[in-house]
Amino acid sequence: MLIKTYTQELSVCKVQNISQVDFSDKFCFLGKTHEEISLVCLTNKVPENVTQRDDGWKMFRIEGELDFSLIGILSEISAILAENEIGIFALSTYNTDYILTKSTNYEKALSCLKNSGYQIKC
């Protein structure tokens, strides 16, 4: 399985509303429930109306489109990282999964995945 890396610094935030979210940016992920609106975006694009934020994240994704019948991909990756004491913040889209780790653990995470047989693409 191929892992695509991204070098941009990301932030995980809670926002009051979406009025200041820059949807035209390269990467922007929004999740809304009855309790909150969560935003993952480039750190330099964090809107002013955040109520909470956590900076210092980097991301990689599983390359290609994943069929819904595939089982356990995210589970396997999270287990490898958990065994190495690396926390994650996972995002799923229709096509694939994105995994964020704190920047301080990013290179270690990629190394652990490579040692487990994953191919890493920069």
Protein backbone atom coordinates (compact mmCIF):
# COMPACT_ATOMS: atom_id res chain seq x y z
CA MET A 1 0.00 0.00 0.00
CA LEU A 2 1.27 3.46 -0.92
CA ILE A 3 1.35 6.38 1.55
CA LYS A 4 1.49 9.93 0.16
CA THR A 5 3.14 12.50 2.44
CA TYR A 6 2.35 16.20 2.85
CA THR A 7 4.74 18.67 4.46
CA GLN A 8 2.37 21.51 5.33
CA GLU A 9 1.68 22.34 8.98
CA LEU A 10 -1.96 21.83 9.90
CA SER A 11 -4.23 22.87 12.75
CA VAL A 12 -7.26 21.09 14.20
CA CYS A 13 -9.88 23.62 15.31
CA LYS A 14 -13.40 24.19 16.55
CA VAL A 15 -15.09 27.15 14.87
CA GLN A 16 -18.17 29.18 15.81
CA ASN A 17 -19.47 29.02 12.23
CA ILE A 18 -18.11 28.53 8.71
CA SER A 19 -18.26 32.19 7.67
CA GLN A 20 -14.47 32.66 7.81
CA VAL A 21 -13.38 29.25 6.50
CA ASP A 22 -11.32 29.48 3.28
CA PHE A 23 -12.83 26.70 1.18
CA SER A 24 -10.66 27.66 -1.81
CA ASP A 25 -7.46 26.64 -0.04
CA LYS A 26 -5.45 23.50 -0.96
CA PHE A 27 -6.70 21.54 2.03
CA CYS A 28 -9.70 22.16 4.20
CA PHE A 29 -11.71 19.50 6.02
CA LEU A 30 -14.92 20.33 7.83
CA GLY A 31 -16.97 18.14 10.13
CA LYS A 32 -20.27 19.23 11.64
CA THR A 33 -22.42 17.57 14.27
CA HIS A 34 -25.18 18.84 16.53
CA GLU A 35 -22.46 19.64 19.11
CA GLU A 36 -19.67 21.29 17.13
CA ILE A 37 -18.07 22.36 13.88
CA SER A 38 -14.55 20.98 13.49
CA LEU A 39 -12.05 22.26 10.96
CA VAL A 40 -8.69 20.95 9.81
CA CYS A 41 -6.77 23.46 7.73
CA LEU A 42 -3.34 24.86 7.04
CA THR A 43 -2.06 26.59 10.15
CA ASN A 44 -1.59 29.87 8.29
CA LYS A 45 -5.26 29.73 7.20
CA VAL A 46 -6.89 29.28 10.63
CA PRO A 47 -9.89 31.65 10.78
CA GLU A 48 -10.24 34.23 13.52
CA ASN A 49 -13.52 32.80 14.83
CA VAL A 50 -12.01 29.63 16.32
CA THR A 51 -13.07 28.71 19.84
CA GLN A 52 -10.30 26.12 20.25
CA ARG A 53 -7.29 25.10 18.20
CA ASP A 54 -4.44 22.65 18.30
CA ASP A 55 -1.48 23.44 16.04
CA GLY A 56 1.49 21.31 15.05
CA TRP A 57 0.01 18.53 12.92
CA LYS A 58 1.23 16.94 9.67
CA MET A 59 -0.63 14.59 7.40
CA PHE A 60 -0.27 11.66 5.05
CA ARG A 61 -2.88 9.79 3.07
CA ILE A 62 -3.47 6.37 1.64
CA GLU A 63 -2.84 6.83 -2.07
CA GLY A 64 -5.58 6.02 -4.55
CA GLU A 65 -9.28 5.51 -4.22
CA LEU A 66 -10.29 2.95 -1.62
CA ASP A 67 -13.26 0.74 -2.34
CA PHE A 68 -15.80 0.57 0.48
CA SER A 69 -15.42 -3.22 0.54
CA LEU A 70 -11.83 -2.92 1.77
CA ILE A 71 -11.70 -3.66 5.47
CA GLY A 72 -9.17 -2.84 8.16
CA ILE A 73 -6.82 -0.44 6.35
CA LEU A 74 -7.17 2.42 8.82
CA SER A 75 -7.25 -0.06 11.68
CA GLU A 76 -3.95 -1.61 10.61
CA ILE A 77 -2.21 1.75 10.23
CA SER A 78 -3.52 3.04 13.55
CA ALA A 79 -2.41 -0.20 15.27
CA ILE A 80 1.14 0.14 13.91
CA LEU A 81 1.31 3.74 15.12
CA ALA A 82 -0.28 2.93 18.49
CA GLU A 83 2.31 0.19 19.08
CA ASN A 84 4.92 2.90 18.63
CA GLU A 85 3.11 5.35 20.92
CA ILE A 86 2.11 7.70 18.11
CA GLY A 87 -1.32 9.28 18.43
CA ILE A 88 -3.38 10.05 15.35
CA PHE A 89 -6.25 12.20 14.17
CA ALA A 90 -7.96 10.37 11.28
CA LEU A 91 -10.08 11.86 8.51
CA SER A 92 -12.03 9.89 5.96
CA THR A 93 -13.40 11.10 2.65
CA TYR A 94 -15.35 9.28 -0.01
CA ASN A 95 -12.10 8.33 -1.79
CA THR A 96 -9.55 7.65 0.93
CA ASP A 97 -8.29 8.15 4.48
CA TYR A 98 -6.00 10.86 5.80
CA ILE A 99 -3.96 10.39 8.96
CA LEU A 100 -2.58 13.28 10.97
CA THR A 101 0.12 12.97 13.58
CA LYS A 102 1.77 15.64 15.66
CA SER A 103 4.71 17.14 13.75
CA THR A 104 7.13 15.86 16.39
CA ASN A 105 6.09 12.26 15.58
CA TYR A 106 5.67 12.58 11.82
CA GLU A 107 9.02 11.18 10.65
CA LYS A 108 8.83 8.39 13.24
CA ALA A 109 5.34 7.49 11.99
CA LEU A 110 6.50 7.30 8.38
CA SER A 111 9.50 5.19 9.41
CA CYS A 112 7.28 2.76 11.35
CA LEU A 113 4.96 2.37 8.38
CA LYS A 114 7.86 1.87 5.98
CA ASN A 115 9.31 -0.80 8.29
CA SER A 116 5.88 -2.49 8.21
CA GLY A 117 5.91 -2.76 4.42
CA TYR A 118 4.20 0.45 3.33
CA GLN A 119 5.70 2.43 0.46
CA ILE A 120 6.23 6.11 1.22
CA LYS A 121 5.81 8.68 -1.57
CA CYS A 122 6.96 12.25 -0.97
